Protein backbone atom coordinates (compact mmCIF):
# COMPACT_ATOMS: atom_id res chain seq x y z
CA MET A 1 21.16 15.32 -9.79
CA THR A 2 23.96 17.63 -9.33
CA LYS A 3 24.08 20.96 -8.35
CA GLN A 4 25.80 21.87 -11.56
CA ILE A 5 22.89 20.43 -13.82
CA ILE A 6 20.38 22.83 -12.30
CA LEU A 7 23.01 25.74 -12.43
CA ASN A 8 23.16 25.18 -16.14
CA LYS A 9 19.42 25.06 -16.57
CA PHE A 10 18.92 28.31 -14.46
CA ILE A 11 21.21 30.18 -16.76
CA ASP A 12 19.39 28.17 -20.18
CA LEU A 13 16.26 29.44 -18.65
CA PHE A 14 16.75 33.13 -17.04
CA GLY A 15 20.35 33.95 -18.59
CA ASP A 16 21.86 34.41 -15.26
CA GLN A 17 25.12 33.31 -14.21
CA ASN A 18 25.11 33.57 -10.52
CA PRO A 19 21.77 32.34 -8.76
CA GLU A 20 21.86 31.15 -4.86
CA ILE A 21 21.44 27.53 -4.24
CA TYR A 22 19.74 26.26 -1.50
CA THR A 23 19.10 22.42 -0.59
CA SER A 24 16.73 20.53 1.96
CA PRO A 25 16.79 16.98 2.70
CA GLY A 26 13.75 14.19 2.71
CA ARG A 27 13.97 12.49 5.92
CA ILE A 28 13.37 9.09 7.45
CA ASN A 29 11.51 8.20 10.67
CA LEU A 30 12.70 5.73 12.99
CA ILE A 31 10.06 4.99 14.98
CA GLY A 32 6.74 7.03 16.03
CA GLU A 33 4.67 6.54 13.09
CA HIS A 34 1.21 8.69 12.53
CA THR A 35 1.89 10.06 15.98
CA ASP A 36 2.69 13.68 15.43
CA TYR A 37 -1.03 14.48 14.85
CA ASN A 38 -1.81 12.89 18.02
CA GLY A 39 0.53 15.34 20.05
CA SER A 40 2.82 12.38 20.83
CA PHE A 41 6.63 11.76 19.74
CA VAL A 42 8.02 11.31 16.35
CA PHE A 43 11.82 9.76 15.70
CA PRO A 44 12.93 11.11 12.63
CA GLY A 45 16.04 12.12 10.80
CA ALA A 46 17.00 13.54 7.97
CA ILE A 47 19.02 11.85 5.01
CA ASP A 48 21.65 12.32 2.31
CA LYS A 49 19.12 13.03 -0.41
CA GLY A 50 16.70 16.04 -1.12
CA ILE A 51 15.85 19.25 -2.85
CA ILE A 52 18.23 21.60 -4.64
CA ALA A 53 16.84 24.89 -5.86
CA ALA A 54 18.56 27.87 -7.54
CA ILE A 55 17.04 31.07 -6.92
CA LYS A 56 17.41 34.32 -7.81
CA LEU A 57 15.32 37.73 -7.11
CA ASN A 58 13.86 39.40 -10.29
CA GLY A 59 12.61 42.58 -9.25
CA THR A 60 9.03 42.14 -10.40
CA ASP A 61 6.15 40.21 -8.50
CA LYS A 62 6.20 37.00 -10.29
CA ILE A 63 7.47 33.97 -9.90
CA ASN A 64 9.14 31.67 -12.77
CA ALA A 65 9.56 28.35 -11.85
CA PHE A 66 11.09 25.26 -13.80
CA ALA A 67 10.34 21.75 -12.24
CA LEU A 68 13.93 19.90 -13.75
CA ASP A 69 12.62 16.19 -13.20
CA LEU A 70 8.95 16.56 -14.49
CA GLU A 71 10.55 19.37 -17.05
CA ASP A 72 7.55 21.74 -16.45
CA GLY A 73 7.52 25.44 -15.53
CA ALA A 74 4.87 27.65 -14.19
CA VAL A 75 4.56 31.23 -13.71
CA PHE A 76 2.28 33.01 -10.80
CA GLY A 77 1.80 35.84 -8.48
CA LEU A 78 1.82 36.57 -5.06
CA ASN A 79 -1.59 37.17 -4.42
CA GLU A 80 -4.31 34.24 -3.37
CA GLU A 81 -6.11 34.28 -6.65
CA ASP A 82 -3.08 33.62 -8.33
CA LEU A 83 -2.60 29.72 -7.12
CA PRO A 84 -0.80 27.78 -9.74
CA LYS A 85 -2.65 24.86 -11.43
CA GLU A 86 0.49 22.77 -11.25
CA GLY A 87 0.24 20.52 -8.30
CA TRP A 88 3.98 20.57 -7.85
CA ALA A 89 4.06 24.93 -8.06
CA LYS A 90 1.57 24.86 -5.18
CA TYR A 91 4.09 23.86 -2.60
CA ILE A 92 6.21 27.20 -3.42
CA PHE A 93 3.18 29.62 -3.84
CA GLY A 94 1.65 28.06 -0.49
CA VAL A 95 5.02 28.77 1.21
CA CYS A 96 5.19 32.44 -0.31
CA ARG A 97 1.44 33.18 0.67
CA GLU A 98 2.43 31.54 4.23
CA ILE A 99 5.30 33.95 4.79
CA ILE A 100 3.12 36.71 3.41
CA LYS A 101 0.44 35.91 5.73
CA ARG A 102 3.00 36.20 8.90
CA GLY A 103 3.60 39.69 7.62
CA GLY A 104 7.00 38.71 5.59
CA LYS A 105 7.62 40.42 2.47
CA ILE A 106 8.07 37.85 -0.39
CA GLU A 107 9.43 39.41 -3.63
CA GLY A 108 9.31 37.68 -7.50
CA PHE A 109 12.10 35.62 -8.41
CA ASP A 110 13.15 33.13 -10.72
CA THR A 111 13.95 29.24 -9.68
CA VAL A 112 15.03 25.68 -11.39
CA PHE A 113 15.00 22.96 -8.63
CA SER A 114 15.42 19.14 -8.63
CA GLY A 115 15.44 16.59 -6.08
CA ASP A 116 16.82 12.99 -5.77
CA VAL A 117 14.24 12.36 -2.82
CA PRO A 118 12.04 9.42 -4.60
CA LEU A 119 8.46 10.66 -4.65
CA GLY A 120 5.84 8.60 -3.05
CA ALA A 121 8.39 6.50 -1.09
CA GLY A 122 7.73 7.81 2.24
CA MET A 123 10.77 10.12 2.57
CA SER A 124 8.86 13.63 2.46
CA SER A 125 9.95 15.23 -1.41
CA SER A 126 6.98 17.65 -0.24
CA ALA A 127 8.45 18.73 2.83
CA ALA A 128 12.19 19.10 1.44
CA LEU A 129 10.46 21.11 -1.25
CA GLU A 130 8.86 23.34 1.47
CA SER A 131 11.76 23.57 3.29
CA THR A 132 13.93 24.71 0.39
CA TYR A 133 11.96 27.37 -0.54
CA ALA A 134 11.05 28.28 3.11
CA PHE A 135 14.87 28.34 4.31
CA ALA A 136 15.70 30.24 1.14
CA LEU A 137 13.42 32.92 0.99
CA ASN A 138 13.80 33.85 4.67
CA ASP A 139 17.42 33.89 4.20
CA MET A 140 17.60 35.81 0.76
CA LEU A 141 15.01 38.41 1.73
CA ASP A 142 16.21 38.49 5.77
CA LEU A 143 13.06 37.73 7.34
CA GLY A 144 14.21 36.64 10.42
CA ILE A 145 11.93 33.57 10.86
CA ASP A 146 13.12 30.80 13.18
CA LYS A 147 13.27 27.58 12.30
CA PHE A 148 9.91 26.31 13.84
CA GLU A 149 8.14 28.92 12.53
CA LEU A 150 9.79 27.87 8.78
CA ALA A 151 8.49 24.29 9.69
CA LYS A 152 5.09 25.79 10.43
CA ILE A 153 5.32 27.42 7.24
CA GLY A 154 5.54 24.14 4.92
CA GLN A 155 2.83 22.61 7.32
CA ALA A 156 0.71 25.22 6.82
CA THR A 157 1.17 25.00 3.05
CA GLU A 158 0.36 21.24 3.13
CA HIS A 159 -2.91 21.84 4.97
CA ASN A 160 -4.27 25.08 3.10
CA TYR A 161 -2.97 24.48 -0.61
CA VAL A 162 -2.33 20.89 -1.09
CA GLY A 163 -4.82 19.62 0.64
CA VAL A 164 -2.97 17.00 3.26
CA LYS A 165 -3.75 17.54 7.05
CA CYS A 166 -0.18 16.71 8.40
CA GLY A 167 1.68 16.96 11.16
CA ILE A 168 4.77 19.04 11.33
CA MET A 169 7.55 16.46 11.69
CA ASP A 170 8.66 16.23 7.92
CA GLN A 171 9.26 20.23 7.93
CA PHE A 172 11.04 19.99 11.02
CA ALA A 173 13.11 16.92 9.99
CA SER A 174 14.29 18.80 6.98
CA LEU A 175 15.15 22.31 8.76
CA PHE A 176 16.73 21.09 12.25
CA GLY A 177 18.59 17.93 10.64
CA LYS A 178 21.80 17.36 12.19
CA LYS A 179 24.35 14.53 10.73
CA ASP A 180 24.91 11.46 12.74
CA HIS A 181 22.12 12.41 15.10
CA LEU A 182 18.20 11.57 15.34
CA MET A 183 15.69 13.61 16.67
CA ARG A 184 12.95 13.13 19.08
CA LEU A 185 10.30 15.88 18.88
CA ASP A 186 7.32 16.55 21.22
CA THR A 187 4.58 17.48 18.91
CA LYS A 188 2.69 18.66 21.55
CA SER A 189 5.61 20.50 23.29
CA MET A 190 7.76 21.41 20.26
CA GLU A 191 10.66 20.37 22.44
CA PHE A 192 13.71 18.22 20.89
CA GLU A 193 16.44 16.49 21.72
CA TYR A 194 19.31 15.09 19.39
CA TYR A 195 20.20 11.33 19.89
CA PRO A 196 23.28 10.50 18.66
CA PHE A 197 22.88 7.51 15.91
CA HIS A 198 25.72 5.91 14.79
CA PRO A 199 25.00 1.83 14.43
CA GLU A 200 28.39 0.33 14.39
CA GLY A 201 28.05 -2.79 12.44
CA TYR A 202 24.33 -2.25 10.96
CA SER A 203 23.21 -0.49 8.02
CA LEU A 204 19.86 1.43 7.46
CA VAL A 205 17.98 0.83 3.99
CA LEU A 206 14.90 1.48 2.56
CA LEU A 207 13.12 -1.13 0.33
CA ASP A 208 10.54 0.70 -2.24
CA THR A 209 7.85 -1.65 -3.08
CA ARG A 210 7.16 0.94 -5.80
CA VAL A 211 3.38 1.00 -5.06
CA ALA A 212 1.91 4.32 -5.15
CA HIS A 213 0.18 6.05 -2.38
CA GLU A 214 -1.57 8.72 -2.56
CA LEU A 215 -1.45 11.07 0.97
CA ALA A 216 -3.91 13.27 0.64
CA SER A 217 -6.64 10.24 0.14
CA SER A 218 -9.46 9.81 2.58
CA ALA A 219 -7.73 7.36 4.62
CA TYR A 220 -5.22 9.35 5.90
CA ASN A 221 -8.05 11.93 7.14
CA LYS A 222 -10.17 9.32 8.43
CA ARG A 223 -7.85 8.04 10.48
CA ARG A 224 -7.06 11.17 12.29
CA GLU A 225 -11.01 11.68 12.56
CA SER A 226 -11.10 8.10 14.64
CA CYS A 227 -8.48 9.27 16.80
CA GLU A 228 -9.77 12.34 17.57
CA ARG A 229 -12.84 11.00 18.13
CA ALA A 230 -11.49 8.49 20.83
CA ALA A 231 -9.47 11.22 22.79
CA ASP A 232 -12.75 13.11 22.94
CA ALA A 233 -14.59 10.10 24.61
CA ILE A 234 -11.61 9.85 26.98
CA ARG A 235 -11.68 13.65 27.90
CA GLU A 236 -15.06 13.10 29.18
CA ASN A 237 -13.73 11.34 32.04
CA HIS A 238 -10.17 12.63 32.03
CA SER A 239 -9.97 16.01 31.37
CA GLU A 240 -6.13 16.56 30.95
CA VAL A 241 -6.36 13.95 27.81
CA GLU A 242 -5.62 16.83 24.98
CA PHE A 243 -4.55 14.47 22.67
CA LEU A 244 -4.48 10.78 22.61
CA ARG A 245 -0.45 10.62 23.21
CA ASP A 246 -1.49 12.19 26.76
CA ALA A 247 -3.94 8.63 27.66
CA SER A 248 -2.99 5.20 28.13
CA MET A 249 -4.64 1.65 27.68
CA GLU A 250 -6.66 1.70 31.40
CA MET A 251 -8.61 5.00 29.52
CA LEU A 252 -8.91 3.63 26.41
CA ASN A 253 -10.66 0.79 27.82
CA GLU A 254 -12.96 2.65 30.08
CA VAL A 255 -14.50 3.83 26.91
CA LYS A 256 -14.39 0.72 24.42
CA LYS A 257 -18.12 0.83 24.45
CA ASP A 258 -18.76 4.19 23.93
CA ILE A 259 -16.59 3.96 20.31
CA SER A 260 -16.18 2.05 17.35
CA GLU A 261 -14.24 -1.30 17.29
CA GLU A 262 -12.11 0.90 14.22
CA ASP A 263 -11.51 3.89 16.81
CA PHE A 264 -10.29 1.80 19.43
CA MET A 265 -7.95 0.13 16.96
CA ARG A 266 -6.81 3.32 15.86
CA ALA A 267 -6.37 4.54 19.41
CA GLN A 268 -4.63 1.77 20.77
CA TYR A 269 -1.91 1.61 18.14
CA VAL A 270 -1.11 5.33 18.97
CA ILE A 271 -1.22 4.94 22.63
CA GLU A 272 1.01 1.58 22.09
CA GLU A 273 3.25 3.95 19.54
CA THR A 274 3.80 6.65 22.23
CA GLN A 275 5.38 3.93 24.44
CA ARG A 276 7.60 2.29 21.83
CA VAL A 277 9.20 5.49 21.43
CA HIS A 278 10.34 6.18 24.91
CA ASP A 279 11.36 2.36 24.75
CA VAL A 280 13.79 3.35 21.47
CA SER A 281 15.12 6.78 23.04
CA ASP A 282 16.00 4.31 26.04
CA ALA A 283 17.30 1.43 23.79
CA LEU A 284 19.48 4.26 21.83
CA GLN A 285 21.47 5.82 24.80
CA LYS A 286 22.81 2.33 25.61
CA ASP A 287 23.57 1.77 21.88
CA ASP A 288 20.78 -1.34 21.98
CA TYR A 289 20.08 -1.44 18.46
CA GLU A 290 18.58 -5.27 19.33
CA THR A 291 15.83 -3.43 21.23
CA VAL A 292 15.62 -0.76 18.32
CA GLY A 293 14.78 -3.57 15.80
CA GLN A 294 12.47 -5.10 17.95
CA LYS A 295 10.35 -2.45 18.61
CA MET A 296 10.55 -1.48 14.87
CA TYR A 297 8.59 -4.79 14.04
CA GLU A 298 6.17 -3.65 16.82
CA THR A 299 5.37 -0.83 14.81
CA HIS A 300 5.08 -2.56 11.73
CA HIS A 301 1.98 -5.32 13.24
CA GLY A 302 0.47 -2.34 14.97
CA MET A 303 0.62 -0.41 11.56
CA SER A 304 -0.48 -3.53 9.77
CA LYS A 305 -3.30 -5.11 12.13
CA LEU A 306 -4.44 -1.93 14.13
CA TYR A 307 -3.57 0.85 11.90
CA GLU A 308 -4.55 -0.95 8.88
CA VAL A 309 -2.12 1.54 6.22
CA SER A 310 0.16 -1.37 5.42
CA CYS A 311 -0.36 -3.35 2.29
CA GLU A 312 0.16 -6.88 0.81
CA GLU A 313 4.10 -5.74 -0.36
CA LEU A 314 5.20 -4.11 2.22
CA ASP A 315 3.84 -7.10 5.06
CA PHE A 316 5.98 -9.47 2.34
CA LEU A 317 8.87 -7.40 3.02
CA ASN A 318 8.54 -7.33 6.48
CA ASP A 319 8.14 -10.86 6.88
CA LEU A 320 11.14 -11.18 4.46
CA ALA A 321 13.49 -9.91 6.61
CA LYS A 322 11.92 -11.74 9.64
CA LYS A 323 13.41 -14.95 7.84
CA HIS A 324 16.42 -13.26 7.25
CA GLN A 325 17.10 -12.47 10.85
CA VAL A 326 16.75 -8.50 9.64
CA THR A 327 17.48 -6.87 13.16
CA GLY A 328 14.64 -4.20 12.57
CA SER A 329 11.91 -3.59 9.94
CA ARG A 330 8.68 -1.91 9.10
CA VAL A 331 6.36 0.12 6.84
CA MET A 332 7.66 3.77 7.04
CA GLY A 333 5.60 7.09 6.34
CA GLY A 334 1.93 6.94 5.51
CA GLY A 335 1.18 3.93 4.76
CA PHE A 336 -0.52 2.20 1.85
CA GLY A 337 2.47 1.60 -0.39
CA GLY A 338 5.59 3.40 -0.22
CA CYS A 339 8.92 1.66 1.80
CA THR A 340 10.00 -0.43 4.62
CA ILE A 341 12.98 0.58 7.07
CA ASN A 342 15.17 -1.96 8.00
CA LEU A 343 18.01 -2.14 10.16
CA VAL A 344 20.45 -5.02 8.80
CA LYS A 345 23.39 -6.30 10.48
CA ASP A 346 26.54 -6.07 7.82
CA GLU A 347 26.83 -9.46 7.69
CA LEU A 348 23.60 -10.06 6.24
CA TYR A 349 22.88 -6.97 4.32
CA GLN A 350 24.37 -8.57 0.71
CA GLN A 351 21.86 -11.36 1.15
CA PHE A 352 18.98 -9.66 2.47
CA ILE A 353 18.74 -7.34 -0.32
CA THR A 354 19.72 -10.02 -3.07
CA ASP A 355 17.12 -12.37 -1.95
CA ALA A 356 14.63 -9.44 -1.23
CA LYS A 357 14.80 -8.25 -5.29
CA SER A 358 14.37 -11.98 -6.38
CA GLU A 359 11.62 -13.21 -4.43
CA PHE A 360 9.67 -9.55 -4.84
CA LYS A 361 10.32 -9.60 -7.91
CA ASP A 362 8.92 -13.40 -8.39
CA LYS A 363 5.75 -12.20 -6.25
CA TYR A 364 4.78 -9.04 -7.61
CA GLY A 365 6.76 -8.92 -11.34
CA HIS A 366 9.08 -5.58 -10.09
CA GLU A 367 11.72 -5.51 -8.00
CA PRO A 368 11.57 -3.04 -4.71
CA LYS A 369 13.99 -0.17 -5.05
CA VAL A 370 16.81 0.00 -2.54
CA TYR A 371 17.79 3.12 -0.91
CA ASP A 372 20.73 3.21 1.67
CA VAL A 373 20.46 6.08 4.02
CA VAL A 374 22.90 7.98 5.47
CA ILE A 375 21.75 10.61 8.22
CA SER A 376 22.32 13.97 7.30
CA ASP A 377 22.44 17.89 7.78
CA GLY A 378 19.18 19.91 7.29
CA ALA A 379 18.37 22.77 4.81
CA ARG A 380 21.60 25.13 4.46
CA LYS A 381 22.75 26.73 1.43
CA LEU A 382 25.10 25.63 -0.71
């Protein structure tokens, strides 16, 4: 969706020729999945797909918003009781409310937005939407909120207005993204480092199963509760363990008899995934993409067998990647559908994509969507 189409719609709806234009990207996560709410590490990068919004203050206390992709409009106020009924509008409303709660003064505005982050594909279209409006309002109203707080505003929007108890990674990646770099974020200390990501001779490609997952579903919150129970049990013996990221397999084995088998499996996955993030950090510094790929496969296995957030279609694509000697492949995002992320040698790329499309279609009746990914910059004014 181009900037011009959004601008034309804005002029058409509101008659104003000069709105401000802002954008925020979706994200991929190379490794470190379901770790952010366990105080552990994540390894995201912003991508070249995102949300673009035209915004203009309107001098009232009302927001007139239009979602171009849905051809749907909403009008709402800025007080808690003004919560809009439209699901997409809750994200914009939530961002405004969270800024107000922090003492920021929000004014009414007119806006049109659109995006090319595929919905439900695990690339965080919702975080891109929150980050676009948080960044834009902060800039336009000169609120002086730092980027970390903007990320927390997006996260709190999910918690308080959408009902998803997400971690901070998606909003962080959308705001802090940097071209040709991934970011290793410690979600406990909120310290982060940029890691150069230039896999010469390889491509990053997402294969979208087009199986819809509902992230707000109880499955996500149930896994979070499993992890918290395991951490609580470990803390009985080791007071220093605040989150599962602080625990070792030895500590987990000590409490094996005190927790359910399911909670044990969930915790084992998180502890092992934390180690994989460290291994990938070391590998990236040496441009060792073979090790990066191997760790991606290990993550897929853990998410499928221990954390149980994969699905038949995702496992099928992962097996296909192995068969084609793809360097690395795993389910990306919350799971239960969405995409696999694949690190593919350039000379294998075309055959892998061709076969993945045809074999997947033979089995499931439709082709997976293919998204080539370029690591790009974060939220900004256009």
